[in-house]
Amino acid sequence: MASSLHPLLLISVSWISLLALVISPAQAATCSSQTFKNNKLYANCSDLPFLSSYLHWTYNASNSSLSIAFVATPSKSEGWVAWAINPTATKMSGAQTLLAYKTEDGAPVVKTFDITSYSSIVPGKLAFDVWDVSAEFSKGTFTIFAVVKVPKDAASVNQVWQLGPAINKTSGFPVKHDFAPPNLQSFSTLYLVANSTTGTPAGANSTTGTPTGANSTTNSIGGGVSGALRIGSGGNMGLLSVSVLVLGALIAF
């Protein structure tokens, strides 16, 4: 009996080890688990589909403003992260950009850039009003905070996000980002209010679906929480639980 038990134990342990590798800490992280030093709360958040980035946002229809917190880790330790709204197109060209990096004394700072074309990056005022701009940097990750003016009665905006390796110390301009597939696909539609196709988010009015201010998660098309293996996903936790139960039964046997 003992000799037949060892192969079964080996298979079960190997299976659980594989799950542990697949459910990595990076994949386990979700926007709903994130908090901020300034204790700000947002009505919605989204695990963006590329570049391991996250967006938290609240839309205020009364003054057509969008409060955001963009969370991302630069591609290198001295790199930059950026989030933008593109009023005229869906990708980078035309993006009105908030870009964060560390100054020489290590303090995080946010600069605004009008990316008028792929060959022209103009620092300065954006095409829309932006205020309450700041940044946090902790454990290698930036958070950009801002409030931006959006068109009246807009249902959605085109968002673009990006990571880069460094800031040119002479010019003060960001060094070009990689052109790998994730970098080239880091854009989506951001729905300003809860997406009705995903049901009523936590903290929302059950009749209207309007967020009430709780830090809920909505799965907006093009930028929602992905279905990758994560601790906290019911199906994947069930799979892990079954594996543990099988191992326990084998040991008891």
Protein backbone atom coordinates (compact mmCIF):
# COMPACT_ATOMS: atom_id res chain seq x y z
CA MET A 1 0.00 0.00 0.00
CA ALA A 2 2.80 2.43 0.91
CA SER A 3 4.54 1.86 -2.42
CA SER A 4 1.39 2.75 -4.36
CA LEU A 5 0.81 5.86 -2.24
CA HIS A 6 4.05 7.62 -3.14
CA PRO A 7 3.29 8.17 -6.88
CA LEU A 8 -0.17 9.55 -6.03
CA LEU A 9 1.28 11.90 -3.44
CA LEU A 10 3.92 13.05 -5.91
CA ILE A 11 1.30 13.79 -8.56
CA SER A 12 -0.88 15.75 -6.11
CA VAL A 13 2.00 17.78 -4.71
CA SER A 14 3.21 18.56 -8.23
CA TRP A 15 -0.29 19.73 -9.20
CA ILE A 16 -0.56 22.04 -6.19
CA SER A 17 2.94 23.39 -6.85
CA LEU A 18 1.93 24.18 -10.43
CA LEU A 19 -1.11 26.09 -9.18
CA ALA A 20 1.07 28.06 -6.79
CA LEU A 21 3.28 29.11 -9.68
CA VAL A 22 0.37 30.05 -11.92
CA ILE A 23 -1.37 32.07 -9.21
CA SER A 24 1.54 34.47 -8.81
CA PRO A 25 1.48 37.48 -6.46
CA ALA A 26 1.28 39.85 -9.44
CA GLN A 27 -1.78 38.07 -10.77
CA ALA A 28 -3.31 37.84 -7.31
CA ALA A 29 -3.21 41.64 -6.91
CA THR A 30 -6.40 43.42 -7.91
CA CYS A 31 -7.47 47.04 -7.84
CA SER A 32 -10.07 46.31 -5.16
CA SER A 33 -7.28 45.43 -2.70
CA GLN A 34 -5.40 48.71 -3.20
CA THR A 35 -5.47 51.61 -0.74
CA PHE A 36 -3.83 55.02 -0.81
CA LYS A 37 -1.82 56.98 1.74
CA ASN A 38 -4.16 59.96 1.33
CA ASN A 39 -7.14 57.67 2.09
CA LYS A 40 -8.95 58.63 -1.09
CA LEU A 41 -11.82 56.40 -2.16
CA TYR A 42 -13.21 55.96 -5.66
CA ALA A 43 -16.54 54.67 -6.96
CA ASN A 44 -14.97 52.26 -9.47
CA CYS A 45 -11.70 50.53 -10.20
CA SER A 46 -10.34 48.41 -13.01
CA ASP A 47 -7.45 46.00 -13.53
CA LEU A 48 -6.24 47.29 -16.87
CA PRO A 49 -5.60 44.49 -19.39
CA PHE A 50 -1.96 45.30 -20.16
CA LEU A 51 1.21 46.40 -18.36
CA SER A 52 0.00 45.34 -14.89
CA SER A 53 -1.65 48.71 -14.33
CA TYR A 54 -4.76 49.77 -12.44
CA LEU A 55 -7.22 52.64 -12.58
CA HIS A 56 -9.53 53.96 -9.86
CA TRP A 57 -12.09 56.59 -10.81
CA THR A 58 -15.17 58.56 -9.80
CA TYR A 59 -17.28 60.48 -12.30
CA ASN A 60 -19.05 63.62 -11.09
CA ALA A 61 -21.82 64.41 -13.54
CA SER A 62 -22.68 67.68 -11.79
CA ASN A 63 -19.49 69.35 -12.99
CA SER A 64 -18.40 66.87 -15.69
CA SER A 65 -15.22 65.90 -13.86
CA LEU A 66 -13.38 62.61 -13.52
CA SER A 67 -11.28 61.93 -10.42
CA ILE A 68 -8.65 59.26 -11.06
CA ALA A 69 -5.85 57.34 -9.40
CA PHE A 70 -3.61 55.46 -11.83
CA VAL A 71 -1.34 52.80 -10.32
CA ALA A 72 1.61 51.29 -12.21
CA THR A 73 5.22 50.16 -11.87
CA PRO A 74 7.74 51.56 -14.38
CA SER A 75 9.65 49.19 -16.64
CA LYS A 76 12.91 50.16 -14.88
CA SER A 77 13.65 51.60 -11.45
CA GLU A 78 14.32 55.09 -12.82
CA GLY A 79 11.47 54.93 -15.29
CA TRP A 80 8.14 56.67 -15.73
CA VAL A 81 4.45 55.81 -15.87
CA ALA A 82 1.73 57.68 -17.72
CA TRP A 83 -2.03 57.81 -18.06
CA ALA A 84 -3.87 59.84 -20.66
CA ILE A 85 -7.19 60.71 -22.21
CA ASN A 86 -7.26 61.00 -25.98
CA PRO A 87 -10.09 63.33 -27.03
CA THR A 88 -9.63 62.73 -30.76
CA ALA A 89 -8.52 59.12 -31.27
CA THR A 90 -8.09 55.81 -29.47
CA LYS A 91 -4.31 55.40 -29.32
CA MET A 92 -1.28 57.47 -28.34
CA SER A 93 -1.28 60.13 -31.03
CA GLY A 94 -3.30 63.02 -29.63
CA ALA A 95 -3.18 61.76 -26.02
CA GLN A 96 -3.37 64.38 -23.28
CA THR A 97 -0.97 62.84 -20.80
CA LEU A 98 -0.18 62.82 -17.10
CA LEU A 99 3.33 61.41 -16.65
CA ALA A 100 4.96 60.60 -13.30
CA TYR A 101 8.61 60.04 -12.52
CA LYS A 102 11.09 60.62 -9.70
CA THR A 103 13.18 63.77 -9.55
CA GLU A 104 16.88 63.58 -8.73
CA ASP A 105 16.11 63.89 -5.02
CA GLY A 106 13.73 60.91 -5.28
CA ALA A 107 10.46 62.82 -4.97
CA PRO A 108 7.62 61.80 -7.30
CA VAL A 109 6.38 64.47 -9.67
CA VAL A 110 3.70 64.65 -12.38
CA LYS A 111 4.15 66.53 -15.64
CA THR A 112 1.60 67.10 -18.40
CA PHE A 113 2.35 66.38 -22.05
CA ASP A 114 0.36 66.87 -25.23
CA ILE A 115 1.42 64.01 -27.50
CA THR A 116 0.37 65.67 -30.72
CA SER A 117 1.89 62.90 -32.84
CA TYR A 118 4.20 59.92 -32.52
CA SER A 119 7.15 62.23 -33.20
CA SER A 120 6.04 65.27 -31.19
CA ILE A 121 5.71 65.45 -27.41
CA VAL A 122 4.86 68.92 -26.14
CA PRO A 123 5.11 69.66 -22.38
CA GLY A 124 2.57 72.07 -20.97
CA LYS A 125 -1.15 72.69 -20.73
CA LEU A 126 -3.53 69.96 -21.83
CA ALA A 127 -6.55 70.32 -24.11
CA PHE A 128 -8.84 70.15 -21.06
CA ASP A 129 -8.67 71.42 -17.50
CA VAL A 130 -6.88 69.30 -14.92
CA TRP A 131 -6.44 69.98 -11.21
CA ASP A 132 -5.50 68.39 -7.87
CA VAL A 133 -2.57 66.68 -9.58
CA SER A 134 -0.12 64.77 -7.38
CA ALA A 135 1.78 61.50 -7.16
CA GLU A 136 2.83 58.88 -4.65
CA PHE A 137 5.77 56.49 -4.95
CA SER A 138 6.01 53.43 -2.74
CA LYS A 139 7.75 50.06 -3.11
CA GLY A 140 8.64 50.75 -6.74
CA THR A 141 5.12 51.74 -7.77
CA PHE A 142 3.69 55.12 -8.78
CA THR A 143 0.19 56.40 -8.19
CA ILE A 144 -0.96 59.42 -10.18
CA PHE A 145 -3.87 61.40 -8.72
CA ALA A 146 -5.79 63.98 -10.72
CA VAL A 147 -9.17 65.43 -11.54
CA VAL A 148 -9.84 66.09 -15.21
CA LYS A 149 -12.65 67.86 -17.02
CA VAL A 150 -14.54 65.66 -19.47
CA PRO A 151 -17.17 66.62 -22.07
CA LYS A 152 -20.62 67.28 -20.63
CA ASP A 153 -22.86 64.19 -20.61
CA ALA A 154 -20.04 62.00 -21.94
CA ALA A 155 -20.64 58.28 -21.40
CA SER A 156 -17.02 57.26 -21.96
CA VAL A 157 -13.53 58.50 -22.82
CA ASN A 158 -10.58 56.98 -24.65
CA GLN A 159 -7.83 56.14 -22.17
CA VAL A 160 -4.19 55.31 -22.90
CA TRP A 161 -1.53 54.22 -20.41
CA GLN A 162 2.16 53.47 -20.72
CA LEU A 163 5.42 52.61 -18.91
CA GLY A 164 8.90 53.82 -19.80
CA PRO A 165 12.50 53.15 -18.77
CA ALA A 166 13.89 56.59 -17.87
CA ILE A 167 13.77 60.37 -18.09
CA ASN A 168 16.43 62.13 -20.16
CA LYS A 169 18.25 64.21 -17.54
CA THR A 170 19.34 66.80 -20.11
CA SER A 171 16.05 67.45 -21.88
CA GLY A 172 13.65 66.38 -19.15
CA PHE A 173 11.69 64.36 -21.70
CA PRO A 174 10.66 60.75 -21.22
CA VAL A 175 12.80 58.13 -22.94
CA LYS A 176 10.82 56.07 -25.44
CA HIS A 177 8.89 53.11 -24.11
CA ASP A 178 9.21 49.57 -25.43
CA PHE A 179 7.27 48.62 -28.55
CA ALA A 180 6.35 45.14 -27.38
CA PRO A 181 2.75 43.97 -27.91
CA PRO A 182 1.55 44.94 -24.39
CA ASN A 183 2.87 48.48 -24.87
CA LEU A 184 1.14 48.80 -28.22
CA GLN A 185 -2.15 47.49 -26.84
CA SER A 186 -2.35 49.66 -23.74
CA PHE A 187 -5.48 51.63 -24.63
CA SER A 188 -9.18 51.10 -24.07
CA THR A 189 -12.55 52.74 -23.58
CA LEU A 190 -13.20 53.94 -20.05
CA TYR A 191 -16.88 53.97 -19.17
CA LEU A 192 -17.49 56.80 -16.74
CA VAL A 193 -20.28 55.12 -14.82
CA ALA A 194 -20.94 51.50 -13.90
CA ASN A 195 -21.25 49.26 -16.95
CA SER A 196 -24.78 47.86 -17.01
CA THR A 197 -23.65 44.66 -18.74
CA THR A 198 -21.69 43.59 -15.66
CA GLY A 199 -24.47 44.01 -13.11
CA THR A 200 -24.65 46.37 -10.17
CA PRO A 201 -21.27 46.92 -8.51
CA ALA A 202 -20.78 46.72 -4.78
CA GLY A 203 -21.75 49.98 -3.13
CA ALA A 204 -24.14 50.93 -5.91
CA ASN A 205 -27.82 51.76 -5.85
CA SER A 206 -29.55 48.49 -6.73
CA THR A 207 -32.21 50.31 -8.74
CA THR A 208 -30.10 52.70 -10.80
CA GLY A 209 -26.72 50.97 -10.70
CA THR A 210 -25.11 54.28 -9.74
CA PRO A 211 -22.11 53.94 -7.41
CA THR A 212 -22.74 55.41 -3.96
CA GLY A 213 -19.07 56.11 -3.23
CA ALA A 214 -17.84 52.71 -2.06
CA ASN A 215 -14.56 51.49 -3.50
CA SER A 216 -16.21 48.99 -5.79
CA THR A 217 -15.00 47.16 -8.87
CA THR A 218 -16.69 47.39 -12.26
CA ASN A 219 -15.69 45.28 -15.23
CA SER A 220 -15.77 47.92 -17.93
CA ILE A 221 -15.39 46.74 -21.49
CA GLY A 222 -11.82 47.16 -22.71
CA GLY A 223 -10.43 47.83 -19.27
CA GLY A 224 -12.04 45.64 -16.67
CA VAL A 225 -10.89 42.99 -14.30
CA SER A 226 -9.51 40.14 -16.34
CA GLY A 227 -10.32 36.48 -15.93
CA ALA A 228 -6.71 35.47 -15.26
CA LEU A 229 -6.04 33.07 -12.40
CA ARG A 230 -6.19 35.02 -9.16
CA ILE A 231 -6.73 34.24 -5.54
CA GLY A 232 -10.17 35.66 -4.98
CA SER A 233 -11.62 34.22 -8.17
CA GLY A 234 -14.26 31.69 -7.17
CA GLY A 235 -13.42 29.14 -9.86
CA ASN A 236 -9.71 29.16 -9.19
CA MET A 237 -10.11 28.99 -5.43
CA GLY A 238 -12.41 26.03 -5.96
CA LEU A 239 -9.78 24.28 -8.06
CA LEU A 240 -7.13 24.91 -5.42
CA SER A 241 -9.46 23.68 -2.66
CA VAL A 242 -10.20 20.45 -4.53
CA SER A 243 -6.48 19.80 -4.93
CA VAL A 244 -5.89 20.28 -1.21
CA LEU A 245 -8.78 17.96 -0.38
CA VAL A 246 -7.42 15.28 -2.72
CA LEU A 247 -4.02 15.53 -1.09
CA GLY A 248 -5.59 15.24 2.36
CA ALA A 249 -7.58 12.19 1.33
CA LEU A 250 -4.47 10.51 -0.05
CA ILE A 251 -2.55 11.14 3.15
CA ALA A 252 -5.44 9.76 5.22
CA PHE A 253 -5.61 6.76 2.92
